[in-house]
Amino acid sequence: MAMDQPKVDMVQDLEIEMMTDLYNRLTSACHKKCISAKYKEGDLTKGESVCLDRCVAKYLEIHDRIGKKLTALSMQDEKLMSQLQGQQQAGK
């Protein structure tokens, strides 16, 4: 089933909005965790860089896990709804 262009545009806009939100949250959380409020140098230190790499990796891993779990739950809900509709139609 193909979507019409306005729906495609809406889905694309929503995806961009969600990725922007993810990026902003990740940036804020990892900056707060890894970089001191008092900047001592213009560049990141090795410790800050390693912390940021790990923080970003963990953040994205958790985001991926949550996405997969939500997808699985959504698929279970759809299957259950289909079964219930089938039972209701069979009972008529």
PDB file of N, CA and C in Angstrom:
ATOM      1  N   MET A   1       0.848  -1.170   0.000  1.00  0.00           N
ATOM      2  CA  MET A   1       0.000   0.000   0.000  1.00  0.00           C
ATOM      3  C   MET A   1       0.899   1.240   0.000  1.00  0.00           C
ATOM      4  N   ALA A   2       0.809   2.034  -1.045  1.00  0.00           N
ATOM      5  CA  ALA A   2       1.638   3.222  -1.189  1.00  0.00           C
ATOM      6  C   ALA A   2       0.994   4.403  -0.463  1.00  0.00           C
ATOM      7  N   MET A   3       1.857   5.241   0.121  1.00  0.00           N
ATOM      8  CA  MET A   3       1.351   6.438   0.797  1.00  0.00           C
ATOM      9  C   MET A   3       1.327   7.588  -0.201  1.00  0.00           C
ATOM     10  N   ASP A   4       0.380   8.498  -0.002  1.00  0.00           N
ATOM     11  CA  ASP A   4       0.358   9.673  -0.860  1.00  0.00           C
ATOM     12  C   ASP A   4       1.425  10.656  -0.389  1.00  0.00           C
ATOM     13  N   GLN A   5       1.757  11.611  -1.219  1.00  0.00           N
ATOM     14  CA  GLN A   5       2.883  12.517  -0.959  1.00  0.00           C
ATOM     15  C   GLN A   5       2.756  13.290   0.350  1.00  0.00           C
ATOM     16  N   PRO A   6       1.583  13.830   0.705  1.00  0.00           N
ATOM     17  CA  PRO A   6       1.502  14.538   1.994  1.00  0.00           C
ATOM     18  C   PRO A   6       1.856  13.643   3.191  1.00  0.00           C
ATOM     19  N   LYS A   7       1.457  12.368   3.146  1.00  0.00           N
ATOM     20  CA  LYS A   7       1.800  11.452   4.240  1.00  0.00           C
ATOM     21  C   LYS A   7       3.284  11.158   4.250  1.00  0.00           C
ATOM     22  N   VAL A   8       3.878  10.995   3.078  1.00  0.00           N
ATOM     23  CA  VAL A   8       5.320  10.760   2.979  1.00  0.00           C
ATOM     24  C   VAL A   8       6.070  11.949   3.563  1.00  0.00           C
ATOM     25  N   ASP A   9       5.638  13.150   3.202  1.00  0.00           N
ATOM     26  CA  ASP A   9       6.275  14.365   3.727  1.00  0.00           C
ATOM     27  C   ASP A   9       6.149  14.437   5.244  1.00  0.00           C
ATOM     28  N   MET A  10       4.966  14.087   5.761  1.00  0.00           N
ATOM     29  CA  MET A  10       4.737  14.129   7.205  1.00  0.00           C
ATOM     30  C   MET A  10       5.658  13.128   7.920  1.00  0.00           C
ATOM     31  N   VAL A  11       5.769  11.920   7.365  1.00  0.00           N
ATOM     32  CA  VAL A  11       6.635  10.895   7.968  1.00  0.00           C
ATOM     33  C   VAL A  11       8.091  11.353   7.930  1.00  0.00           C
ATOM     34  N   GLN A  12       8.512  11.940   6.825  1.00  0.00           N
ATOM     35  CA  GLN A  12       9.888  12.431   6.720  1.00  0.00           C
ATOM     36  C   GLN A  12      10.157  13.546   7.727  1.00  0.00           C
ATOM     37  N   ASP A  13       9.208  14.468   7.856  1.00  0.00           N
ATOM     38  CA  ASP A  13       9.363  15.563   8.820  1.00  0.00           C
ATOM     39  C   ASP A  13       9.427  15.027  10.250  1.00  0.00           C
ATOM     40  N   LEU A  14       8.592  14.047  10.548  1.00  0.00           N
ATOM     41  CA  LEU A  14       8.594  13.444  11.881  1.00  0.00           C
ATOM     42  C   LEU A  14       9.930  12.756  12.158  1.00  0.00           C
ATOM     43  N   GLU A  15      10.461  12.048  11.175  1.00  0.00           N
ATOM     44  CA  GLU A  15      11.752  11.372  11.326  1.00  0.00           C
ATOM     45  C   GLU A  15      12.880  12.382  11.581  1.00  0.00           C
ATOM     46  N   ILE A  16      12.868  13.476  10.854  1.00  0.00           N
ATOM     47  CA  ILE A  16      13.877  14.527  11.054  1.00  0.00           C
ATOM     48  C   ILE A  16      13.749  15.115  12.452  1.00  0.00           C
ATOM     49  N   GLU A  17      12.525  15.364  12.881  1.00  0.00           N
ATOM     50  CA  GLU A  17      12.279  15.920  14.214  1.00  0.00           C
ATOM     51  C   GLU A  17      12.768  14.964  15.303  1.00  0.00           C
ATOM     52  N   MET A  18      12.497  13.668  15.126  1.00  0.00           N
ATOM     53  CA  MET A  18      12.920  12.679  16.119  1.00  0.00           C
ATOM     54  C   MET A  18      14.446  12.562  16.160  1.00  0.00           C
ATOM     55  N   MET A  19      15.105  12.582  15.012  1.00  0.00           N
ATOM     56  CA  MET A  19      16.563  12.485  14.983  1.00  0.00           C
ATOM     57  C   MET A  19      17.204  13.745  15.572  1.00  0.00           C
ATOM     58  N   THR A  20      16.598  14.888  15.317  1.00  0.00           N
ATOM     59  CA  THR A  20      17.105  16.140  15.895  1.00  0.00           C
ATOM     60  C   THR A  20      16.986  16.101  17.410  1.00  0.00           C
ATOM     61  N   ASP A  21      15.855  15.612  17.906  1.00  0.00           N
ATOM     62  CA  ASP A  21      15.653  15.483  19.351  1.00  0.00           C
ATOM     63  C   ASP A  21      16.670  14.514  19.946  1.00  0.00           C
ATOM     64  N   LEU A  22      16.883  13.373  19.288  1.00  0.00           N
ATOM     65  CA  LEU A  22      17.877  12.408  19.755  1.00  0.00           C
ATOM     66  C   LEU A  22      19.253  13.060  19.835  1.00  0.00           C
ATOM     67  N   TYR A  23      19.647  13.747  18.779  1.00  0.00           N
ATOM     68  CA  TYR A  23      20.958  14.398  18.746  1.00  0.00           C
ATOM     69  C   TYR A  23      21.087  15.431  19.869  1.00  0.00           C
ATOM     70  N   ASN A  24      20.060  16.241  20.056  1.00  0.00           N
ATOM     71  CA  ASN A  24      20.119  17.276  21.098  1.00  0.00           C
ATOM     72  C   ASN A  24      20.205  16.668  22.495  1.00  0.00           C
ATOM     73  N   ARG A  25      19.438  15.614  22.751  1.00  0.00           N
ATOM     74  CA  ARG A  25      19.482  14.957  24.063  1.00  0.00           C
ATOM     75  C   ARG A  25      20.844  14.291  24.292  1.00  0.00           C
ATOM     76  N   LEU A  26      21.333  13.605  23.269  1.00  0.00           N
ATOM     77  CA  LEU A  26      22.633  12.931  23.361  1.00  0.00           C
ATOM     78  C   LEU A  26      23.732  13.961  23.632  1.00  0.00           C
ATOM     79  N   THR A  27      23.730  15.025  22.872  1.00  0.00           N
ATOM     80  CA  THR A  27      24.741  16.071  23.027  1.00  0.00           C
ATOM     81  C   THR A  27      24.713  16.657  24.432  1.00  0.00           C
ATOM     82  N   SER A  28      23.522  16.977  24.905  1.00  0.00           N
ATOM     83  CA  SER A  28      23.378  17.571  26.228  1.00  0.00           C
ATOM     84  C   SER A  28      23.834  16.606  27.327  1.00  0.00           C
ATOM     85  N   ALA A  29      23.360  15.357  27.268  1.00  0.00           N
ATOM     86  CA  ALA A  29      23.691  14.373  28.303  1.00  0.00           C
ATOM     87  C   ALA A  29      25.195  14.083  28.333  1.00  0.00           C
ATOM     88  N   CYS A  30      25.776  13.862  27.171  1.00  0.00           N
ATOM     89  CA  CYS A  30      27.201  13.507  27.139  1.00  0.00           C
ATOM     90  C   CYS A  30      28.094  14.707  27.458  1.00  0.00           C
ATOM     91  N   HIS A  31      27.677  15.888  27.051  1.00  0.00           N
ATOM     92  CA  HIS A  31      28.457  17.094  27.390  1.00  0.00           C
ATOM     93  C   HIS A  31      28.462  17.299  28.899  1.00  0.00           C
ATOM     94  N   LYS A  32      27.289  17.162  29.502  1.00  0.00           N
ATOM     95  CA  LYS A  32      27.155  17.344  30.952  1.00  0.00           C
ATOM     96  C   LYS A  32      27.992  16.312  31.713  1.00  0.00           C
ATOM     97  N   LYS A  33      28.010  15.072  31.208  1.00  0.00           N
ATOM     98  CA  LYS A  33      28.701  13.986  31.886  1.00  0.00           C
ATOM     99  C   LYS A  33      30.221  14.051  31.699  1.00  0.00           C
ATOM    100  N   CYS A  34      30.684  14.459  30.530  1.00  0.00           N
ATOM    101  CA  CYS A  34      32.092  14.278  30.167  1.00  0.00           C
ATOM    102  C   CYS A  34      32.950  15.545  30.167  1.00  0.00           C
ATOM    103  N   ILE A  35      32.338  16.695  30.086  1.00  0.00           N
ATOM    104  CA  ILE A  35      33.129  17.914  29.931  1.00  0.00           C
ATOM    105  C   ILE A  35      32.870  18.845  31.101  1.00  0.00           C
ATOM    106  N   SER A  36      33.939  19.240  31.744  1.00  0.00           N
ATOM    107  CA  SER A  36      33.860  20.135  32.897  1.00  0.00           C
ATOM    108  C   SER A  36      33.276  21.482  32.482  1.00  0.00           C
ATOM    109  N   ALA A  37      32.544  22.103  33.392  1.00  0.00           N
ATOM    110  CA  ALA A  37      31.958  23.419  33.118  1.00  0.00           C
ATOM    111  C   ALA A  37      33.033  24.498  32.999  1.00  0.00           C
ATOM    112  N   LYS A  38      34.189  24.231  33.598  1.00  0.00           N
ATOM    113  CA  LYS A  38      35.305  25.184  33.522  1.00  0.00           C
ATOM    114  C   LYS A  38      36.282  24.678  32.468  1.00  0.00           C
ATOM    115  N   TYR A  39      36.232  25.295  31.304  1.00  0.00           N
ATOM    116  CA  TYR A  39      37.129  24.884  30.219  1.00  0.00           C
ATOM    117  C   TYR A  39      38.563  25.295  30.541  1.00  0.00           C
ATOM    118  N   LYS A  40      39.481  24.307  30.491  1.00  0.00           N
ATOM    119  CA  LYS A  40      40.885  24.582  30.765  1.00  0.00           C
ATOM    120  C   LYS A  40      41.676  24.710  29.463  1.00  0.00           C
ATOM    121  N   GLU A  41      41.202  24.023  28.417  1.00  0.00           N
ATOM    122  CA  GLU A  41      41.884  24.036  27.125  1.00  0.00           C
ATOM    123  C   GLU A  41      40.865  24.253  26.018  1.00  0.00           C
ATOM    124  N   GLY A  42      41.346  24.677  24.865  1.00  0.00           N
ATOM    125  CA  GLY A  42      40.466  24.894  23.726  1.00  0.00           C
ATOM    126  C   GLY A  42      40.015  23.600  23.075  1.00  0.00           C
ATOM    127  N   ASP A  43      40.847  22.567  23.176  1.00  0.00           N
ATOM    128  CA  ASP A  43      40.531  21.273  22.579  1.00  0.00           C
ATOM    129  C   ASP A  43      40.124  20.291  23.666  1.00  0.00           C
ATOM    130  N   LEU A  44      39.449  19.220  23.244  1.00  0.00           N
ATOM    131  CA  LEU A  44      39.097  18.169  24.190  1.00  0.00           C
ATOM    132  C   LEU A  44      40.350  17.451  24.667  1.00  0.00           C
ATOM    133  N   THR A  45      40.364  17.084  25.936  1.00  0.00           N
ATOM    134  CA  THR A  45      41.459  16.263  26.434  1.00  0.00           C
ATOM    135  C   THR A  45      41.207  14.823  25.999  1.00  0.00           C
ATOM    136  N   LYS A  46      42.220  13.990  26.153  1.00  0.00           N
ATOM    137  CA  LYS A  46      42.056  12.582  25.782  1.00  0.00           C
ATOM    138  C   LYS A  46      40.949  11.938  26.627  1.00  0.00           C
ATOM    139  N   GLY A  47      40.935  12.235  27.917  1.00  0.00           N
ATOM    140  CA  GLY A  47      39.911  11.692  28.812  1.00  0.00           C
ATOM    141  C   GLY A  47      38.513  12.119  28.403  1.00  0.00           C
ATOM    142  N   GLU A  48      38.349  13.391  28.029  1.00  0.00           N
ATOM    143  CA  GLU A  48      37.045  13.879  27.579  1.00  0.00           C
ATOM    144  C   GLU A  48      36.617  13.181  26.288  1.00  0.00           C
ATOM    145  N   SER A  49      37.561  13.022  25.380  1.00  0.00           N
ATOM    146  CA  SER A  49      37.262  12.359  24.103  1.00  0.00           C
ATOM    147  C   SER A  49      36.820  10.913  24.308  1.00  0.00           C
ATOM    148  N   VAL A  50      37.547  10.196  25.172  1.00  0.00           N
ATOM    149  CA  VAL A  50      37.192   8.799  25.448  1.00  0.00           C
ATOM    150  C   VAL A  50      35.821   8.738  26.114  1.00  0.00           C
ATOM    151  N   CYS A  51      35.587   9.610  27.064  1.00  0.00           N
ATOM    152  CA  CYS A  51      34.292   9.651  27.754  1.00  0.00           C
ATOM    153  C   CYS A  51      33.163   9.929  26.764  1.00  0.00           C
ATOM    154  N   LEU A  52      33.360  10.889  25.878  1.00  0.00           N
ATOM    155  CA  LEU A  52      32.338  11.218  24.886  1.00  0.00           C
ATOM    156  C   LEU A  52      32.073  10.049  23.948  1.00  0.00           C
ATOM    157  N   ASP A  53      33.148   9.380  23.497  1.00  0.00           N
ATOM    158  CA  ASP A  53      32.982   8.216  22.612  1.00  0.00           C
ATOM    159  C   ASP A  53      32.140   7.140  23.292  1.00  0.00           C
ATOM    160  N   ARG A  54      32.466   6.851  24.531  1.00  0.00           N
ATOM    161  CA  ARG A  54      31.728   5.815  25.269  1.00  0.00           C
ATOM    162  C   ARG A  54      30.293   6.237  25.533  1.00  0.00           C
ATOM    163  N   CYS A  55      30.117   7.488  25.911  1.00  0.00           N
ATOM    164  CA  CYS A  55      28.780   8.000  26.214  1.00  0.00           C
ATOM    165  C   CYS A  55      27.890   7.927  24.973  1.00  0.00           C
ATOM    166  N   VAL A  56      28.399   8.390  23.848  1.00  0.00           N
ATOM    167  CA  VAL A  56      27.618   8.362  22.611  1.00  0.00           C
ATOM    168  C   VAL A  56      27.291   6.922  22.224  1.00  0.00           C
ATOM    169  N   ALA A  57      28.277   6.027  22.318  1.00  0.00           N
ATOM    170  CA  ALA A  57      28.046   4.622  21.972  1.00  0.00           C
ATOM    171  C   ALA A  57      26.961   4.010  22.858  1.00  0.00           C
ATOM    172  N   LYS A  58      27.034   4.259  24.164  1.00  0.00           N
ATOM    173  CA  LYS A  58      26.032   3.719  25.080  1.00  0.00           C
ATOM    174  C   LYS A  58      24.656   4.324  24.813  1.00  0.00           C
ATOM    175  N   TYR A  59      24.611   5.621  24.573  1.00  0.00           N
ATOM    176  CA  TYR A  59      23.351   6.307  24.331  1.00  0.00           C
ATOM    177  C   TYR A  59      22.673   5.732  23.086  1.00  0.00           C
ATOM    178  N   LEU A  60      23.454   5.565  22.013  1.00  0.00           N
ATOM    179  CA  LEU A  60      22.891   5.037  20.768  1.00  0.00           C
ATOM    180  C   LEU A  60      22.494   3.568  20.907  1.00  0.00           C
ATOM    181  N   GLU A  61      23.271   2.804  21.678  1.00  0.00           N
ATOM    182  CA  GLU A  61      22.934   1.394  21.898  1.00  0.00           C
ATOM    183  C   GLU A  61      21.596   1.280  22.632  1.00  0.00           C
ATOM    184  N   ILE A  62      21.422   2.084  23.664  1.00  0.00           N
ATOM    185  CA  ILE A  62      20.170   2.058  24.421  1.00  0.00           C
ATOM    186  C   ILE A  62      19.015   2.526  23.547  1.00  0.00           C
ATOM    187  N   HIS A  63      19.237   3.562  22.758  1.00  0.00           N
ATOM    188  CA  HIS A  63      18.203   4.048  21.850  1.00  0.00           C
ATOM    189  C   HIS A  63      17.782   2.946  20.889  1.00  0.00           C
ATOM    190  N   ASP A  64      18.740   2.199  20.373  1.00  0.00           N
ATOM    191  CA  ASP A  64      18.458   1.091  19.458  1.00  0.00           C
ATOM    192  C   ASP A  64      17.677  -0.016  20.169  1.00  0.00           C
ATOM    193  N   ARG A  65      18.090  -0.367  21.373  1.00  0.00           N
ATOM    194  CA  ARG A  65      17.393  -1.410  22.135  1.00  0.00           C
ATOM    195  C   ARG A  65      15.941  -1.021  22.411  1.00  0.00           C
ATOM    196  N   ILE A  66      15.748   0.213  22.819  1.00  0.00           N
ATOM    197  CA  ILE A  66      14.397   0.687  23.115  1.00  0.00           C
ATOM    198  C   ILE A  66      13.547   0.664  21.846  1.00  0.00           C
ATOM    199  N   GLY A  67      14.126   1.109  20.739  1.00  0.00           N
ATOM    200  CA  GLY A  67      13.399   1.093  19.470  1.00  0.00           C
ATOM    201  C   GLY A  67      12.971  -0.306  19.078  1.00  0.00           C
ATOM    202  N   LYS A  68      13.876  -1.283  19.238  1.00  0.00           N
ATOM    203  CA  LYS A  68      13.549  -2.672  18.901  1.00  0.00           C
ATOM    204  C   LYS A  68      12.465  -3.214  19.827  1.00  0.00           C
ATOM    205  N   LYS A  69      12.551  -2.889  21.110  1.00  0.00           N
ATOM    206  CA  LYS A  69      11.551  -3.354  22.074  1.00  0.00           C
ATOM    207  C   LYS A  69      10.182  -2.752  21.759  1.00  0.00           C
ATOM    208  N   LEU A  70      10.146  -1.465  21.456  1.00  0.00           N
ATOM    209  CA  LEU A  70       8.882  -0.817  21.130  1.00  0.00           C
ATOM    210  C   LEU A  70       8.286  -1.391  19.843  1.00  0.00           C
ATOM    211  N   THR A  71       9.133  -1.685  18.877  1.00  0.00           N
ATOM    212  CA  THR A  71       8.659  -2.295  17.632  1.00  0.00           C
ATOM    213  C   THR A  71       8.056  -3.664  17.906  1.00  0.00           C
ATOM    214  N   ALA A  72       8.742  -4.460  18.731  1.00  0.00           N
ATOM    215  CA  ALA A  72       8.235  -5.793  19.075  1.00  0.00           C
ATOM    216  C   ALA A  72       6.894  -5.692  19.800  1.00  0.00           C
ATOM    217  N   LEU A  73       6.782  -4.771  20.748  1.00  0.00           N
ATOM    218  CA  LEU A  73       5.526  -4.585  21.473  1.00  0.00           C
ATOM    219  C   LEU A  73       4.410  -4.126  20.535  1.00  0.00           C
ATOM    220  N   SER A  74       4.737  -3.246  19.628  1.00  0.00           N
ATOM    221  CA  SER A  74       3.757  -2.761  18.663  1.00  0.00           C
ATOM    222  C   SER A  74       3.265  -3.902  17.770  1.00  0.00           C
ATOM    223  N   MET A  75       4.182  -4.761  17.347  1.00  0.00           N
ATOM    224  CA  MET A  75       3.803  -5.896  16.503  1.00  0.00           C
ATOM    225  C   MET A  75       2.915  -6.869  17.283  1.00  0.00           C
ATOM    226  N   GLN A  76       3.224  -7.073  18.570  1.00  0.00           N
ATOM    227  CA  GLN A  76       2.388  -7.938  19.409  1.00  0.00           C
ATOM    228  C   GLN A  76       0.984  -7.355  19.541  1.00  0.00           C
ATOM    229  N   ASP A  77       0.910  -6.039  19.734  1.00  0.00           N
ATOM    230  CA  ASP A  77      -0.383  -5.372  19.855  1.00  0.00           C
ATOM    231  C   ASP A  77      -1.193  -5.526  18.566  1.00  0.00           C
ATOM    232  N   GLU A  78      -0.525  -5.351  17.417  1.00  0.00           N
ATOM    233  CA  GLU A  78      -1.217  -5.490  16.136  1.00  0.00           C
ATOM    234  C   GLU A  78      -1.731  -6.919  15.956  1.00  0.00           C
ATOM    235  N   LYS A  79      -0.914  -7.897  16.331  1.00  0.00           N
ATOM    236  CA  LYS A  79      -1.313  -9.308  16.205  1.00  0.00           C
ATOM    237  C   LYS A  79      -2.514  -9.588  17.107  1.00  0.00           C
ATOM    238  N   LEU A  80      -2.466  -9.092  18.336  1.00  0.00           N
ATOM    239  CA  LEU A  80      -3.564  -9.287  19.277  1.00  0.00           C
ATOM    240  C   LEU A  80      -4.845  -8.633  18.762  1.00  0.00           C
ATOM    241  N   MET A  81      -4.728  -7.424  18.228  1.00  0.00           N
ATOM    242  CA  MET A  81      -5.897  -6.724  17.687  1.00  0.00           C
ATOM    243  C   MET A  81      -6.492  -7.501  16.507  1.00  0.00           C
ATOM    244  N   SER A  82      -5.635  -8.048  15.661  1.00  0.00           N
ATOM    245  CA  SER A  82      -6.112  -8.850  14.526  1.00  0.00           C
ATOM    246  C   SER A  82      -6.861 -10.081  15.020  1.00  0.00           C
ATOM    247  N   GLN A  83      -6.315 -10.731  16.041  1.00  0.00           N
ATOM    248  CA  GLN A  83      -6.967 -11.917  16.594  1.00  0.00           C
ATOM    249  C   GLN A  83      -8.323 -11.555  17.196  1.00  0.00           C
ATOM    250  N   LEU A  84      -8.388 -10.457  17.919  1.00  0.00           N
ATOM    251  CA  LEU A  84      -9.645 -10.031  18.532  1.00  0.00           C
ATOM    252  C   LEU A  84     -10.683  -9.686  17.466  1.00  0.00           C
ATOM    253  N   GLN A  85     -10.241  -9.017  16.400  1.00  0.00           N
ATOM    254  CA  GLN A  85     -11.167  -8.683  15.321  1.00  0.00           C
ATOM    255  C   GLN A  85     -11.674  -9.955  14.649  1.00  0.00           C
ATOM    256  N   GLY A  86     -10.782 -10.918  14.458  1.00  0.00           N
ATOM    257  CA  GLY A  86     -11.173 -12.192  13.869  1.00  0.00           C
ATOM    258  C   GLY A  86     -12.180 -12.920  14.732  1.00  0.00           C
ATOM    259  N   GLN A  87     -11.993 -12.889  16.040  1.00  0.00           N
ATOM    260  CA  GLN A  87     -12.923 -13.542  16.960  1.00  0.00           C
ATOM    261  C   GLN A  87     -14.281 -12.831  16.945  1.00  0.00           C
ATOM    262  N   GLN A  88     -14.256 -11.502  16.881  1.00  0.00           N
ATOM    263  CA  GLN A  88     -15.515 -10.745  16.854  1.00  0.00           C
ATOM    264  C   GLN A  88     -16.290 -11.031  15.582  1.00  0.00           C
ATOM    265  N   GLN A  89     -15.593 -11.107  14.462  1.00  0.00           N
ATOM    266  CA  GLN A  89     -16.260 -11.385  13.188  1.00  0.00           C
ATOM    267  C   GLN A  89     -16.789 -12.817  13.141  1.00  0.00           C
ATOM    268  N   ALA A  90     -16.048 -13.765  13.742  1.00  0.00           N
ATOM    269  CA  ALA A  90     -16.493 -15.153  13.777  1.00  0.00           C
ATOM    270  C   ALA A  90     -17.723 -15.316  14.671  1.00  0.00           C
ATOM    271  N   GLY A  91     -17.854 -14.457  15.688  1.00  0.00           N
ATOM    272  CA  GLY A  91     -18.967 -14.533  16.613  1.00  0.00           C
ATOM    273  C   GLY A  91     -20.233 -13.915  16.075  1.00  0.00           C
ATOM    274  N   LYS A  92     -20.160 -13.202  14.971  1.00  0.00           N
ATOM    275  CA  LYS A  92     -21.346 -12.527  14.421  1.00  0.00           C
ATOM    276  C   LYS A  92     -22.204 -13.453  13.621  1.00  0.00           C
TER     277      LYS A  92
END
